[in-house]
């Protein structure tokens, strides 16, 4: 199995959030991302720091993660880039 690149891991993490109605608990995101907890923490903090995701709290004060507009835009543009690469067999 090939090692995943940084952009692919970011895309996968953001896609998991989107597929869960843009509202997922961090522990569930960790499990679904199939990363070690150490790697997950690094990517999670980077995604927050760079404005791709944000932490939100539900009525019971439980932490959830949601995509920002920037995170949604990243997913859209990443898809276009991958389609371009596939189309031209790069």
C-alpha atoms as a PDB file:
ATOM      1  CA  UNK A   1       0.000   0.000   0.000  1.00  0.00           C
ATOM      2  CA  UNK A   2       1.398   3.392  -1.008  1.00  0.00           C
ATOM      3  CA  UNK A   3       2.006   6.036   1.592  1.00  0.00           C
ATOM      4  CA  UNK A   4      -0.531   8.863   1.457  1.00  0.00           C
ATOM      5  CA  UNK A   5       0.705  12.368   0.724  1.00  0.00           C
ATOM      6  CA  UNK A   6      -0.081  15.420   2.817  1.00  0.00           C
ATOM      7  CA  UNK A   7      -2.716  16.853   0.440  1.00  0.00           C
ATOM      8  CA  UNK A   8      -4.397  13.463   0.092  1.00  0.00           C
ATOM      9  CA  UNK A   9      -4.629  13.124   3.885  1.00  0.00           C
ATOM     10  CA  UNK A  10      -6.058  16.633   4.174  1.00  0.00           C
ATOM     11  CA  UNK A  11      -8.594  15.909   1.423  1.00  0.00           C
ATOM     12  CA  UNK A  12      -9.595  12.625   3.033  1.00  0.00           C
ATOM     13  CA  UNK A  13     -10.070  14.246   6.451  1.00  0.00           C
ATOM     14  CA  UNK A  14     -12.156  17.099   5.040  1.00  0.00           C
ATOM     15  CA  UNK A  15     -14.211  14.678   2.948  1.00  0.00           C
ATOM     16  CA  UNK A  16     -15.034  12.598   6.039  1.00  0.00           C
ATOM     17  CA  UNK A  17     -16.371  15.716   7.746  1.00  0.00           C
ATOM     18  CA  UNK A  18     -18.433  16.651   4.686  1.00  0.00           C
ATOM     19  CA  UNK A  19     -19.866  13.122   4.365  1.00  0.00           C
ATOM     20  CA  UNK A  20     -21.022  13.291   7.986  1.00  0.00           C
ATOM     21  CA  UNK A  21     -23.286  16.278   7.361  1.00  0.00           C
ATOM     22  CA  UNK A  22     -20.460  18.686   8.206  1.00  0.00           C
ATOM     23  CA  UNK A  23     -20.788  17.855  11.919  1.00  0.00           C
ATOM     24  CA  UNK A  24     -18.622  15.113  13.436  1.00  0.00           C
ATOM     25  CA  UNK A  25     -17.032  14.412  16.797  1.00  0.00           C
ATOM     26  CA  UNK A  26     -13.208  14.544  16.789  1.00  0.00           C
ATOM     27  CA  UNK A  27     -12.919  10.969  18.094  1.00  0.00           C
ATOM     28  CA  UNK A  28     -15.122   9.647  15.291  1.00  0.00           C
ATOM     29  CA  UNK A  29     -13.085  11.648  12.768  1.00  0.00           C
ATOM     30  CA  UNK A  30      -9.881  10.118  14.181  1.00  0.00           C
ATOM     31  CA  UNK A  31     -11.275   6.605  13.804  1.00  0.00           C
ATOM     32  CA  UNK A  32     -12.553   7.161  10.273  1.00  0.00           C
ATOM     33  CA  UNK A  33      -9.358   8.887   9.131  1.00  0.00           C
ATOM     34  CA  UNK A  34      -7.288   5.759   9.881  1.00  0.00           C
ATOM     35  CA  UNK A  35      -4.387   7.787  11.242  1.00  0.00           C
ATOM     36  CA  UNK A  36      -2.417   7.325  14.413  1.00  0.00           C
ATOM     37  CA  UNK A  37      -3.525   9.648  17.184  1.00  0.00           C
ATOM     38  CA  UNK A  38      -0.216  11.538  16.952  1.00  0.00           C
ATOM     39  CA  UNK A  39      -0.521  12.128  13.187  1.00  0.00           C
ATOM     40  CA  UNK A  40      -4.203  12.963  13.563  1.00  0.00           C
ATOM     41  CA  UNK A  41      -3.453  15.600  16.191  1.00  0.00           C
ATOM     42  CA  UNK A  42      -0.878  17.259  13.902  1.00  0.00           C
ATOM     43  CA  UNK A  43      -3.211  17.331  10.888  1.00  0.00           C
ATOM     44  CA  UNK A  44      -6.197  18.371  13.017  1.00  0.00           C
ATOM     45  CA  UNK A  45      -4.299  21.312  14.510  1.00  0.00           C
ATOM     46  CA  UNK A  46      -2.974  22.353  11.085  1.00  0.00           C
ATOM     47  CA  UNK A  47      -6.465  22.247   9.561  1.00  0.00           C
ATOM     48  CA  UNK A  48      -7.794  24.450  12.363  1.00  0.00           C
ATOM     49  CA  UNK A  49      -4.803  26.824  12.231  1.00  0.00           C
ATOM     50  CA  UNK A  50      -5.164  27.225   8.466  1.00  0.00           C
ATOM     51  CA  UNK A  51      -8.922  27.817   8.668  1.00  0.00           C
ATOM     52  CA  UNK A  52     -10.128  24.650   6.884  1.00  0.00           C
ATOM     53  CA  UNK A  53     -12.128  23.359   9.861  1.00  0.00           C
ATOM     54  CA  UNK A  54     -13.558  24.794  13.046  1.00  0.00           C
ATOM     55  CA  UNK A  55     -14.652  23.394  16.377  1.00  0.00           C
ATOM     56  CA  UNK A  56     -18.295  23.873  17.307  1.00  0.00           C
ATOM     57  CA  UNK A  57     -20.240  22.785  20.368  1.00  0.00           C
ATOM     58  CA  UNK A  58     -23.685  21.206  20.433  1.00  0.00           C
ATOM     59  CA  UNK A  59     -26.455  21.906  22.950  1.00  0.00           C
ATOM     60  CA  UNK A  60     -24.853  19.459  25.398  1.00  0.00           C
ATOM     61  CA  UNK A  61     -21.520  21.302  25.124  1.00  0.00           C
ATOM     62  CA  UNK A  62     -19.898  18.401  23.231  1.00  0.00           C
ATOM     63  CA  UNK A  63     -17.181  19.309  20.740  1.00  0.00           C
ATOM     64  CA  UNK A  64     -17.775  18.670  17.037  1.00  0.00           C
ATOM     65  CA  UNK A  65     -15.819  19.576  13.931  1.00  0.00           C
ATOM     66  CA  UNK A  66     -17.243  21.392  10.924  1.00  0.00           C
ATOM     67  CA  UNK A  67     -15.844  22.534   7.571  1.00  0.00           C
ATOM     68  CA  UNK A  68     -15.332  26.211   6.976  1.00  0.00           C
ATOM     69  CA  UNK A  69     -15.949  27.876   3.628  1.00  0.00           C
ATOM     70  CA  UNK A  70     -12.208  27.595   2.986  1.00  0.00           C
ATOM     71  CA  UNK A  71     -12.326  23.842   3.684  1.00  0.00           C
ATOM     72  CA  UNK A  72     -15.239  23.384   1.289  1.00  0.00           C
ATOM     73  CA  UNK A  73     -13.383  25.373  -1.392  1.00  0.00           C
ATOM     74  CA  UNK A  74     -10.284  23.204  -0.871  1.00  0.00           C
ATOM     75  CA  UNK A  75     -12.324  20.047  -1.561  1.00  0.00           C
ATOM     76  CA  UNK A  76     -13.783  21.551  -4.743  1.00  0.00           C
ATOM     77  CA  UNK A  77     -10.413  22.663  -6.084  1.00  0.00           C
ATOM     78  CA  UNK A  78      -8.661  19.434  -5.087  1.00  0.00           C
ATOM     79  CA  UNK A  79     -11.206  17.473  -7.115  1.00  0.00           C
ATOM     80  CA  UNK A  80     -10.513  19.653 -10.192  1.00  0.00           C
ATOM     81  CA  UNK A  81      -6.765  19.142  -9.815  1.00  0.00           C
ATOM     82  CA  UNK A  82      -7.125  15.359  -9.537  1.00  0.00           C
ATOM     83  CA  UNK A  83      -9.415  15.267 -12.589  1.00  0.00           C
ATOM     84  CA  UNK A  84      -6.808  17.279 -14.528  1.00  0.00           C
ATOM     85  CA  UNK A  85      -4.011  14.925 -13.497  1.00  0.00           C
ATOM     86  CA  UNK A  86      -6.082  11.868 -14.445  1.00  0.00           C
ATOM     87  CA  UNK A  87      -7.206  13.358 -17.762  1.00  0.00           C
ATOM     88  CA  UNK A  88      -3.650  14.046 -18.887  1.00  0.00           C
ATOM     89  CA  UNK A  89      -2.242  10.910 -17.247  1.00  0.00           C
ATOM     90  CA  UNK A  90       0.294  12.886 -15.241  1.00  0.00           C
END
